[in-house]
Each structure stands twice: as C-alpha cells, then as structure tokens.
Amino acid sequence: MSSESTTDPANLARQLDEVTRRDAEFRLKTIQRFRELDEQLRSTRERMEALSLELGERNTYIHQLHVEQDATRNEFARIHDDLATYSQWLAAAEDETAALRAKLERIRTSWAWRYGTPLRVLQRLFGASDRGTAPPPPVITIDSSLVYYLHTSPFRIFRERTAALRGWVYSKEPSPITAVRARVGALEFIGRHGLPEPETAAVHRLAGGPHERPGFEIPLTLAPGRQLLVLEAQIDHREWRAFLATPVWVEPRVDTDRKDEGNHP
C-alpha cells in the first residue's frame, strides 16, 4: 500500500498541489507582512520627520525667546541707568533750588529790595499791557481705537541724537493704516509701515485683513533737551491720528575737543 501510494500519480498530484498551495499561502503571507512592515516603516519615517521639524521649530522659538529675553534685560539695564541719571539730575536740581531760595531770601531781606518795591509795583501796573501772553501748549488727542506696542521704549533718556522707534500699530476700525510718523516740536519724521509682525497678527487675529502687517520703524534725529514726542498713524491716506504723546529727554553730548581747546590760552 505504501509503495503504491507513493507511486500513484493521482496521490503525487495531490501532494504536489498541497505543497504548491502551502507555498502560495506562505508567499502571500510574506508579501502581506512585508507590506505591513513597509507601511509601518513609512509611518515611522513620517513621524520622525514631523518630530524633527517640530523640534527645529521649538529650538528656533526657544532661541528667539532667549534673544528677546536678552533684549529685555538690556532694556531694563538702560532704564536702570536712566533712572540713576534722573536721580542725579533731581538731586542737583534740588540743591540748585535750595541755593536759589536762599539767595532770593537774602535779596528780599536786603535794603535795596525794600527801597525798590515801589518801582516794581509801578512796573507791573504800567508794563502788564505790553507783555504778551504765552501761547497755550498744544492739545494732543489720543485715539483710543489705535492699538500699539513699541519694541524700543521712548520712556527713557536718549543718549544719542539719532534713534529708531520700532513697534506695531493697528486700528480697531476696518480702515487701513497707510503711514506712520513722529512729530518732535516742528520736526516731522515719516517712518516705514507695513512691516511683518506674524506673532502679533496671529495673537490679534489680523491675518487676511487690512492690518495684516502692522509693523513700523521710524528714524529720529533729536536735539538735546526736553521735548514732546508724538506718534501718529494715517488712516486710509486721509487724516492723521495720534496714538502716543510723551515727553522725552535727549542728553547733550559734551564736545571734549572744544572743551580742551577752551582750557588753553
């Protein structure tokens, strides 16, 4: 029976078919497993690329935070120096005021002041009509519909004659801002507007609107002393509206060469 079954053509055909079927099933399972592994590998690569991109963006963001943190520290250091300078100026002004008050008190108690009192009264009576009244200071109206932020704060002493104010401004109204400028006394400085501020646009939801690029930069050339700085935005090529008005101090620069020349005969 065993020899007949092994030599039976029909039985051999059935065995061959069984072996062929098993081989086909094995090949099919191998291909399916290969495809599954290939899909997993592709998904893993995509995930790794996404993680790598996210890591790069996070590193860039962290680097930007470090840069902004350093800039903030430098700004605080400058403000601290300015406060120290203000304190020195205030102390000097208080000493000068005390000295002037003491001098004025000595003058008022002198005989010359007492004998000159009638003449001063007559001068006030007859000279009051000749003196002109000083013009009132200009009234600056701040537009509350303008939202702004300054990267370079003007609330400090300017130690250089030239400076640049950088920041962003947009209007709560739909009309676009078409220009920005700074006014210092009679001087006017036109700045660049429409600079990109992607984080500001994202936070304030300005993308796709008329205020999508709210950044600006205004170069300034200032004279020494106390001055009034006014920042304005032009609405739709028509009217100018102020969004900041603040006094600024420009520290005078000492000309050492001329000072040295004056000391020589």
C-alpha atoms as a PDB file:
ATOM      1  CA  MET A   1       0.000   0.000   0.000  1.00  0.00           C
ATOM      2  CA  SER A   2       2.810   2.414   0.923  1.00  0.00           C
ATOM      3  CA  SER A   3       4.730   1.842  -2.274  1.00  0.00           C
ATOM      4  CA  GLU A   4       1.550   2.134  -4.322  1.00  0.00           C
ATOM      5  CA  SER A   5       0.577   5.423  -2.635  1.00  0.00           C
ATOM      6  CA  THR A   6       3.980   6.884  -3.271  1.00  0.00           C
ATOM      7  CA  THR A   7       3.949   5.834  -6.894  1.00  0.00           C
ATOM      8  CA  ASP A   8       0.291   6.616  -7.521  1.00  0.00           C
ATOM      9  CA  PRO A   9       0.184   9.544  -9.987  1.00  0.00           C
ATOM     10  CA  ALA A  10      -3.050  10.874  -8.504  1.00  0.00           C
ATOM     11  CA  ASN A  11      -1.636  10.809  -4.995  1.00  0.00           C
ATOM     12  CA  LEU A  12       1.558  12.527  -6.165  1.00  0.00           C
ATOM     13  CA  ALA A  13      -0.530  15.154  -7.905  1.00  0.00           C
ATOM     14  CA  ARG A  14      -2.490  15.790  -4.726  1.00  0.00           C
ATOM     15  CA  GLN A  15       0.718  16.109  -2.704  1.00  0.00           C
ATOM     16  CA  LEU A  16       2.169  18.455  -5.298  1.00  0.00           C
ATOM     17  CA  ASP A  17      -0.964  20.588  -5.200  1.00  0.00           C
ATOM     18  CA  GLU A  18      -0.791  20.670  -1.383  1.00  0.00           C
ATOM     19  CA  VAL A  19       2.843  21.745  -1.488  1.00  0.00           C
ATOM     20  CA  THR A  20       2.075  24.360  -4.142  1.00  0.00           C
ATOM     21  CA  ARG A  21      -0.890  25.682  -2.119  1.00  0.00           C
ATOM     22  CA  ARG A  22       1.185  25.931   1.046  1.00  0.00           C
ATOM     23  CA  ASP A  23       3.970  27.662  -0.846  1.00  0.00           C
ATOM     24  CA  ALA A  24       1.490  30.156  -2.332  1.00  0.00           C
ATOM     25  CA  GLU A  25      -0.024  30.838   1.100  1.00  0.00           C
ATOM     26  CA  PHE A  26       3.440  31.343   2.568  1.00  0.00           C
ATOM     27  CA  ARG A  27       4.415  33.717  -0.235  1.00  0.00           C
ATOM     28  CA  LEU A  28       1.131  35.625   0.173  1.00  0.00           C
ATOM     29  CA  LYS A  29       1.589  35.967   3.932  1.00  0.00           C
ATOM     30  CA  THR A  30       5.205  37.047   3.396  1.00  0.00           C
ATOM     31  CA  ILE A  31       4.134  39.741   0.932  1.00  0.00           C
ATOM     32  CA  GLN A  32       1.373  40.931   3.260  1.00  0.00           C
ATOM     33  CA  ARG A  33       3.776  41.065   6.188  1.00  0.00           C
ATOM     34  CA  PHE A  34       6.323  42.898   4.060  1.00  0.00           C
ATOM     35  CA  ARG A  35       3.686  45.458   3.088  1.00  0.00           C
ATOM     36  CA  GLU A  36       2.675  45.909   6.715  1.00  0.00           C
ATOM     37  CA  LEU A  37       6.292  46.389   7.765  1.00  0.00           C
ATOM     38  CA  ASP A  38       6.860  48.785   4.863  1.00  0.00           C
ATOM     39  CA  GLU A  39       3.773  50.806   5.890  1.00  0.00           C
ATOM     40  CA  GLN A  40       4.948  50.884   9.498  1.00  0.00           C
ATOM     41  CA  LEU A  41       8.408  51.965   8.367  1.00  0.00           C
ATOM     42  CA  ARG A  42       6.965  54.738   6.182  1.00  0.00           C
ATOM     43  CA  SER A  43       4.709  55.908   9.013  1.00  0.00           C
ATOM     44  CA  THR A  44       7.649  55.857  11.411  1.00  0.00           C
ATOM     45  CA  ARG A  45       9.763  57.905   8.997  1.00  0.00           C
ATOM     46  CA  GLU A  46       6.979  60.467   8.551  1.00  0.00           C
ATOM     47  CA  ARG A  47       6.576  60.685  12.312  1.00  0.00           C
ATOM     48  CA  MET A  48      10.322  61.108  12.775  1.00  0.00           C
ATOM     49  CA  GLU A  49      10.387  63.865  10.128  1.00  0.00           C
ATOM     50  CA  ALA A  50       7.440  65.600  11.810  1.00  0.00           C
ATOM     51  CA  LEU A  51       9.127  65.345  15.202  1.00  0.00           C
ATOM     52  CA  SER A  52      12.384  66.617  13.743  1.00  0.00           C
ATOM     53  CA  LEU A  53      10.579  69.573  12.164  1.00  0.00           C
ATOM     54  CA  GLU A  54       8.720  70.282  15.391  1.00  0.00           C
ATOM     55  CA  LEU A  55      11.971  70.041  17.338  1.00  0.00           C
ATOM     56  CA  GLY A  56      13.603  72.500  14.944  1.00  0.00           C
ATOM     57  CA  GLU A  57      10.698  74.916  15.309  1.00  0.00           C
ATOM     58  CA  ARG A  58      10.848  74.607  19.090  1.00  0.00           C
ATOM     59  CA  ASN A  59      14.583  75.213  19.069  1.00  0.00           C
ATOM     60  CA  THR A  60      14.059  78.273  16.875  1.00  0.00           C
ATOM     61  CA  TYR A  61      11.300  79.510  19.179  1.00  0.00           C
ATOM     62  CA  ILE A  62      13.456  78.912  22.260  1.00  0.00           C
ATOM     63  CA  HIS A  63      16.330  80.738  20.597  1.00  0.00           C
ATOM     64  CA  GLN A  64      14.005  83.636  19.781  1.00  0.00           C
ATOM     65  CA  LEU A  65      12.833  83.687  23.403  1.00  0.00           C
ATOM     66  CA  HIS A  66      16.446  83.840  24.567  1.00  0.00           C
ATOM     67  CA  VAL A  67      17.127  86.707  22.158  1.00  0.00           C
ATOM     68  CA  GLU A  68      14.054  88.598  23.368  1.00  0.00           C
ATOM     69  CA  GLN A  69      14.996  87.871  26.982  1.00  0.00           C
ATOM     70  CA  ASP A  70      18.483  89.288  26.399  1.00  0.00           C
ATOM     71  CA  ALA A  71      16.978  92.338  24.680  1.00  0.00           C
ATOM     72  CA  THR A  72      14.591  92.844  27.607  1.00  0.00           C
ATOM     73  CA  ARG A  73      17.466  92.585  30.078  1.00  0.00           C
ATOM     74  CA  ASN A  74      19.439  95.149  28.088  1.00  0.00           C
ATOM     75  CA  GLU A  75      16.403  97.433  28.003  1.00  0.00           C
ATOM     76  CA  PHE A  76      15.970  97.085  31.771  1.00  0.00           C
ATOM     77  CA  ALA A  77      19.648  97.884  32.212  1.00  0.00           C
ATOM     78  CA  ARG A  78      19.275 101.039  30.108  1.00  0.00           C
ATOM     79  CA  ILE A  79      16.155 102.027  32.064  1.00  0.00           C
ATOM     80  CA  HIS A  80      18.064 101.482  35.321  1.00  0.00           C
ATOM     81  CA  ASP A  81      20.862 103.731  34.048  1.00  0.00           C
ATOM     82  CA  ASP A  82      18.301 106.334  33.009  1.00  0.00           C
ATOM     83  CA  LEU A  83      16.668 106.248  36.450  1.00  0.00           C
ATOM     84  CA  ALA A  84      20.067 106.721  38.037  1.00  0.00           C
ATOM     85  CA  THR A  85      20.694 109.710  35.762  1.00  0.00           C
ATOM     86  CA  TYR A  86      17.257 111.104  36.583  1.00  0.00           C
ATOM     87  CA  SER A  87      18.019 110.735  40.297  1.00  0.00           C
ATOM     88  CA  GLN A  88      21.302 112.610  39.877  1.00  0.00           C
ATOM     89  CA  TRP A  89      19.570 115.361  37.920  1.00  0.00           C
ATOM     90  CA  LEU A  90      16.836 115.580  40.554  1.00  0.00           C
ATOM     91  CA  ALA A  91      19.351 115.818  43.398  1.00  0.00           C
ATOM     92  CA  ALA A  92      21.285 118.530  41.531  1.00  0.00           C
ATOM     93  CA  ALA A  93      18.039 120.404  40.796  1.00  0.00           C
ATOM     94  CA  GLU A  94      17.021 120.230  44.480  1.00  0.00           C
ATOM     95  CA  ASP A  95      20.420 121.587  45.559  1.00  0.00           C
ATOM     96  CA  GLU A  96      20.188 124.367  42.970  1.00  0.00           C
ATOM     97  CA  THR A  97      16.627 125.201  44.065  1.00  0.00           C
ATOM     98  CA  ALA A  98      17.689 125.387  47.710  1.00  0.00           C
ATOM     99  CA  ALA A  99      20.604 127.660  46.786  1.00  0.00           C
ATOM    100  CA  LEU A 100      18.331 129.920  44.717  1.00  0.00           C
ATOM    101  CA  ARG A 101      15.773 130.121  47.516  1.00  0.00           C
ATOM    102  CA  ALA A 102      18.474 131.091  49.996  1.00  0.00           C
ATOM    103  CA  LYS A 103      19.781 133.723  47.576  1.00  0.00           C
ATOM    104  CA  LEU A 104      16.253 135.045  46.981  1.00  0.00           C
ATOM    105  CA  GLU A 105      15.658 135.254  50.723  1.00  0.00           C
ATOM    106  CA  ARG A 106      18.858 137.273  51.136  1.00  0.00           C
ATOM    107  CA  ILE A 107      17.779 139.593  48.335  1.00  0.00           C
ATOM    108  CA  ARG A 108      14.311 140.124  49.817  1.00  0.00           C
ATOM    109  CA  THR A 109      15.740 140.993  53.213  1.00  0.00           C
ATOM    110  CA  SER A 110      18.229 143.473  51.727  1.00  0.00           C
ATOM    111  CA  TRP A 111      17.748 147.270  51.816  1.00  0.00           C
ATOM    112  CA  ALA A 112      17.941 147.528  48.023  1.00  0.00           C
ATOM    113  CA  TRP A 113      14.935 145.207  47.644  1.00  0.00           C
ATOM    114  CA  ARG A 114      12.898 147.194  50.161  1.00  0.00           C
ATOM    115  CA  TYR A 115      13.637 150.559  48.519  1.00  0.00           C
ATOM    116  CA  GLY A 116      12.915 149.139  45.044  1.00  0.00           C
ATOM    117  CA  THR A 117       9.477 147.716  45.921  1.00  0.00           C
ATOM    118  CA  PRO A 118       7.507 150.838  44.753  1.00  0.00           C
ATOM    119  CA  LEU A 119       9.324 150.830  41.415  1.00  0.00           C
ATOM    120  CA  ARG A 120       8.481 147.172  40.834  1.00  0.00           C
ATOM    121  CA  VAL A 121       4.820 147.809  41.628  1.00  0.00           C
ATOM    122  CA  LEU A 122       4.706 150.668  39.105  1.00  0.00           C
ATOM    123  CA  GLN A 123       6.432 148.480  36.507  1.00  0.00           C
ATOM    124  CA  ARG A 124       3.834 145.740  36.953  1.00  0.00           C
ATOM    125  CA  LEU A 125       0.969 148.216  36.643  1.00  0.00           C
ATOM    126  CA  PHE A 126       2.190 150.018  33.547  1.00  0.00           C
ATOM    127  CA  GLY A 127       4.061 147.173  31.878  1.00  0.00           C
ATOM    128  CA  ALA A 128       1.416 144.440  32.133  1.00  0.00           C
ATOM    129  CA  SER A 129      -0.381 145.561  28.963  1.00  0.00           C
ATOM    130  CA  ASP A 130       2.865 145.477  26.961  1.00  0.00           C
ATOM    131  CA  ARG A 131       3.705 141.889  27.776  1.00  0.00           C
ATOM    132  CA  GLY A 132       2.149 139.281  25.522  1.00  0.00           C
ATOM    133  CA  THR A 133       0.676 136.100  26.898  1.00  0.00           C
ATOM    134  CA  ALA A 134       2.432 132.861  26.099  1.00  0.00           C
ATOM    135  CA  PRO A 135       0.520 130.574  23.723  1.00  0.00           C
ATOM    136  CA  PRO A 136      -1.108 127.604  25.422  1.00  0.00           C
ATOM    137  CA  PRO A 137       0.555 124.221  24.889  1.00  0.00           C
ATOM    138  CA  PRO A 138      -0.902 122.160  22.039  1.00  0.00           C
ATOM    139  CA  VAL A 139      -3.657 119.739  22.967  1.00  0.00           C
ATOM    140  CA  ILE A 140      -2.877 116.207  21.763  1.00  0.00           C
ATOM    141  CA  THR A 141      -5.911 113.937  21.424  1.00  0.00           C
ATOM    142  CA  ILE A 142      -5.045 110.241  21.687  1.00  0.00           C
ATOM    143  CA  ASP A 143      -7.179 107.973  19.502  1.00  0.00           C
ATOM    144  CA  SER A 144      -8.262 105.014  21.631  1.00  0.00           C
ATOM    145  CA  SER A 145      -9.116 102.949  18.537  1.00  0.00           C
ATOM    146  CA  LEU A 146      -5.390 102.598  17.734  1.00  0.00           C
ATOM    147  CA  VAL A 147      -3.675  99.653  19.418  1.00  0.00           C
ATOM    148  CA  TYR A 148       0.123  99.834  19.521  1.00  0.00           C
ATOM    149  CA  TYR A 149       3.261  98.419  21.071  1.00  0.00           C
ATOM    150  CA  LEU A 150       6.836  99.706  20.945  1.00  0.00           C
ATOM    151  CA  HIS A 151       9.773  97.318  20.870  1.00  0.00           C
ATOM    152  CA  THR A 152      12.103 100.267  21.620  1.00  0.00           C
ATOM    153  CA  SER A 153      10.577 102.165  24.512  1.00  0.00           C
ATOM    154  CA  PRO A 154      10.746 106.002  24.324  1.00  0.00           C
ATOM    155  CA  PHE A 155      10.167 106.359  28.079  1.00  0.00           C
ATOM    156  CA  ARG A 156      13.831 106.962  28.814  1.00  0.00           C
ATOM    157  CA  ILE A 157      16.709 109.309  28.115  1.00  0.00           C
ATOM    158  CA  PHE A 158      18.008 109.336  24.554  1.00  0.00           C
ATOM    159  CA  ARG A 159      21.779 109.396  24.843  1.00  0.00           C
ATOM    160  CA  GLU A 160      22.317 109.729  21.080  1.00  0.00           C
ATOM    161  CA  ARG A 161      20.968 112.313  18.669  1.00  0.00           C
ATOM    162  CA  THR A 162      19.781 109.640  16.243  1.00  0.00           C
ATOM    163  CA  ALA A 163      17.466 106.792  17.186  1.00  0.00           C
ATOM    164  CA  ALA A 164      14.849 104.497  15.649  1.00  0.00           C
ATOM    165  CA  LEU A 165      11.494 103.567  17.149  1.00  0.00           C
ATOM    166  CA  ARG A 166      10.246 100.094  16.207  1.00  0.00           C
ATOM    167  CA  GLY A 167       6.898  98.540  17.016  1.00  0.00           C
ATOM    168  CA  TRP A 168       3.459  97.824  15.626  1.00  0.00           C
ATOM    169  CA  VAL A 169       0.123  99.621  15.447  1.00  0.00           C
ATOM    170  CA  TYR A 170      -3.290  98.761  14.043  1.00  0.00           C
ATOM    171  CA  SER A 171      -6.768 100.237  14.201  1.00  0.00           C
ATOM    172  CA  LYS A 172      -9.847  98.613  15.657  1.00  0.00           C
ATOM    173  CA  GLU A 173     -11.704 100.126  12.707  1.00  0.00           C
ATOM    174  CA  PRO A 174     -11.684  98.452   9.266  1.00  0.00           C
ATOM    175  CA  SER A 175      -9.963 101.409   7.569  1.00  0.00           C
ATOM    176  CA  PRO A 176      -6.300 100.562   6.919  1.00  0.00           C
ATOM    177  CA  ILE A 177      -3.304 102.447   8.288  1.00  0.00           C
ATOM    178  CA  THR A 178      -1.349 103.758   5.306  1.00  0.00           C
ATOM    179  CA  ALA A 179       1.527 105.623   7.000  1.00  0.00           C
ATOM    180  CA  VAL A 180       3.119 106.396  10.375  1.00  0.00           C
ATOM    181  CA  ARG A 181       5.112 109.392  11.521  1.00  0.00           C
ATOM    182  CA  ALA A 182       6.690 111.000  14.573  1.00  0.00           C
ATOM    183  CA  ARG A 183       6.478 114.700  15.443  1.00  0.00           C
ATOM    184  CA  VAL A 184       9.005 116.338  17.745  1.00  0.00           C
ATOM    185  CA  GLY A 185       8.233 120.031  18.007  1.00  0.00           C
ATOM    186  CA  ALA A 186       8.194 121.430  14.475  1.00  0.00           C
ATOM    187  CA  LEU A 187      10.073 118.441  13.057  1.00  0.00           C
ATOM    188  CA  GLU A 188       8.308 115.555  11.328  1.00  0.00           C
ATOM    189  CA  PHE A 189       9.737 112.093  10.668  1.00  0.00           C
ATOM    190  CA  ILE A 190       7.943 109.724   8.276  1.00  0.00           C
ATOM    191  CA  GLY A 191       8.507 106.050   9.056  1.00  0.00           C
ATOM    192  CA  ARG A 192       8.148 102.745   7.253  1.00  0.00           C
ATOM    193  CA  HIS A 193       4.851 100.918   7.740  1.00  0.00           C
ATOM    194  CA  GLY A 194       3.572  97.508   6.681  1.00  0.00           C
ATOM    195  CA  LEU A 195       6.420  95.504   8.176  1.00  0.00           C
ATOM    196  CA  PRO A 196       5.605  91.864   9.051  1.00  0.00           C
ATOM    197  CA  GLU A 197       4.663  91.004  12.641  1.00  0.00           C
ATOM    198  CA  PRO A 198       3.479  87.369  12.363  1.00  0.00           C
ATOM    199  CA  GLU A 199       3.102  86.753  16.108  1.00  0.00           C
ATOM    200  CA  THR A 200       1.122  89.968  16.576  1.00  0.00           C
ATOM    201  CA  ALA A 201      -1.064  89.152  13.581  1.00  0.00           C
ATOM    202  CA  ALA A 202      -1.735  85.673  14.979  1.00  0.00           C
ATOM    203  CA  VAL A 203      -2.491  86.824  18.540  1.00  0.00           C
ATOM    204  CA  HIS A 204      -4.743  89.702  17.465  1.00  0.00           C
ATOM    205  CA  ARG A 205      -6.255  87.776  14.531  1.00  0.00           C
ATOM    206  CA  LEU A 206      -5.144  90.254  11.883  1.00  0.00           C
ATOM    207  CA  ALA A 207      -4.286  87.733   9.148  1.00  0.00           C
ATOM    208  CA  GLY A 208      -6.160  88.313   5.911  1.00  0.00           C
ATOM    209  CA  GLY A 209      -7.372  91.769   6.944  1.00  0.00           C
ATOM    210  CA  PRO A 210      -6.258  95.351   6.239  1.00  0.00           C
ATOM    211  CA  HIS A 211      -3.931  95.285   9.277  1.00  0.00           C
ATOM    212  CA  GLU A 212      -2.135  92.018   8.487  1.00  0.00           C
ATOM    213  CA  ARG A 213       1.310  93.713   8.523  1.00  0.00           C
ATOM    214  CA  PRO A 214       1.173  96.224  11.397  1.00  0.00           C
ATOM    215  CA  GLY A 215       4.917  96.663  11.982  1.00  0.00           C
ATOM    216  CA  PHE A 216       6.649 100.035  11.631  1.00  0.00           C
ATOM    217  CA  GLU A 217      10.028 101.732  12.069  1.00  0.00           C
ATOM    218  CA  ILE A 218      10.590 105.492  12.455  1.00  0.00           C
ATOM    219  CA  PRO A 219      14.098 107.037  12.368  1.00  0.00           C
ATOM    220  CA  LEU A 220      14.551 110.103  14.590  1.00  0.00           C
ATOM    221  CA  THR A 221      17.070 112.930  14.790  1.00  0.00           C
ATOM    222  CA  LEU A 222      16.625 114.754  18.086  1.00  0.00           C
ATOM    223  CA  ALA A 223      18.009 117.968  19.558  1.00  0.00           C
ATOM    224  CA  PRO A 224      19.287 117.986  23.139  1.00  0.00           C
ATOM    225  CA  GLY A 225      16.869 118.835  25.953  1.00  0.00           C
ATOM    226  CA  ARG A 226      13.288 118.077  26.912  1.00  0.00           C
ATOM    227  CA  GLN A 227      10.870 117.619  24.009  1.00  0.00           C
ATOM    228  CA  LEU A 228       7.397 116.275  23.284  1.00  0.00           C
ATOM    229  CA  LEU A 229       7.304 113.140  21.120  1.00  0.00           C
ATOM    230  CA  VAL A 230       4.026 112.422  19.301  1.00  0.00           C
ATOM    231  CA  LEU A 231       3.454 109.251  17.247  1.00  0.00           C
ATOM    232  CA  GLU A 232       0.678 109.339  14.654  1.00  0.00           C
ATOM    233  CA  ALA A 233      -0.894 106.972  12.124  1.00  0.00           C
ATOM    234  CA  GLN A 234      -2.539 107.995   8.870  1.00  0.00           C
ATOM    235  CA  ILE A 235      -5.903 106.360   8.221  1.00  0.00           C
ATOM    236  CA  ASP A 236      -6.665 105.432   4.610  1.00  0.00           C
ATOM    237  CA  HIS A 237      -4.411 108.179   3.124  1.00  0.00           C
ATOM    238  CA  ARG A 238      -6.541 110.863   4.823  1.00  0.00           C
ATOM    239  CA  GLU A 239      -6.336 112.025   8.433  1.00  0.00           C
ATOM    240  CA  TRP A 240      -3.544 111.632  10.954  1.00  0.00           C
ATOM    241  CA  ARG A 241      -4.423 110.283  14.412  1.00  0.00           C
ATOM    242  CA  ALA A 242      -2.132 110.296  17.443  1.00  0.00           C
ATOM    243  CA  PHE A 243      -1.640 107.107  19.440  1.00  0.00           C
ATOM    244  CA  LEU A 244       1.190 108.235  21.762  1.00  0.00           C
ATOM    245  CA  ALA A 245       2.336 111.559  23.238  1.00  0.00           C
ATOM    246  CA  THR A 246       5.146 111.598  25.788  1.00  0.00           C
ATOM    247  CA  PRO A 247       7.963 113.919  26.857  1.00  0.00           C
ATOM    248  CA  VAL A 248      11.465 112.670  26.083  1.00  0.00           C
ATOM    249  CA  TRP A 249      14.899 113.771  27.211  1.00  0.00           C
ATOM    250  CA  VAL A 250      17.888 113.934  24.894  1.00  0.00           C
ATOM    251  CA  GLU A 251      21.159 114.043  26.768  1.00  0.00           C
ATOM    252  CA  PRO A 252      23.526 116.707  25.392  1.00  0.00           C
ATOM    253  CA  ARG A 253      26.827 115.443  24.081  1.00  0.00           C
ATOM    254  CA  VAL A 254      29.940 117.047  25.529  1.00  0.00           C
ATOM    255  CA  ASP A 255      32.405 118.234  22.879  1.00  0.00           C
ATOM    256  CA  THR A 256      35.656 117.189  24.568  1.00  0.00           C
ATOM    257  CA  ASP A 257      37.877 118.633  21.822  1.00  0.00           C
ATOM    258  CA  ARG A 258      36.301 122.072  22.080  1.00  0.00           C
ATOM    259  CA  LYS A 259      36.384 121.871  25.866  1.00  0.00           C
ATOM    260  CA  ASP A 260      40.092 121.085  25.805  1.00  0.00           C
ATOM    261  CA  GLU A 261      40.730 123.943  23.378  1.00  0.00           C
ATOM    262  CA  GLY A 262      38.976 126.364  25.726  1.00  0.00           C
ATOM    263  CA  ASN A 263      41.330 125.452  28.558  1.00  0.00           C
ATOM    264  CA  HIS A 264      44.404 126.535  26.586  1.00  0.00           C
ATOM    265  CA  PRO A 265      45.384 130.228  26.414  1.00  0.00           C
END
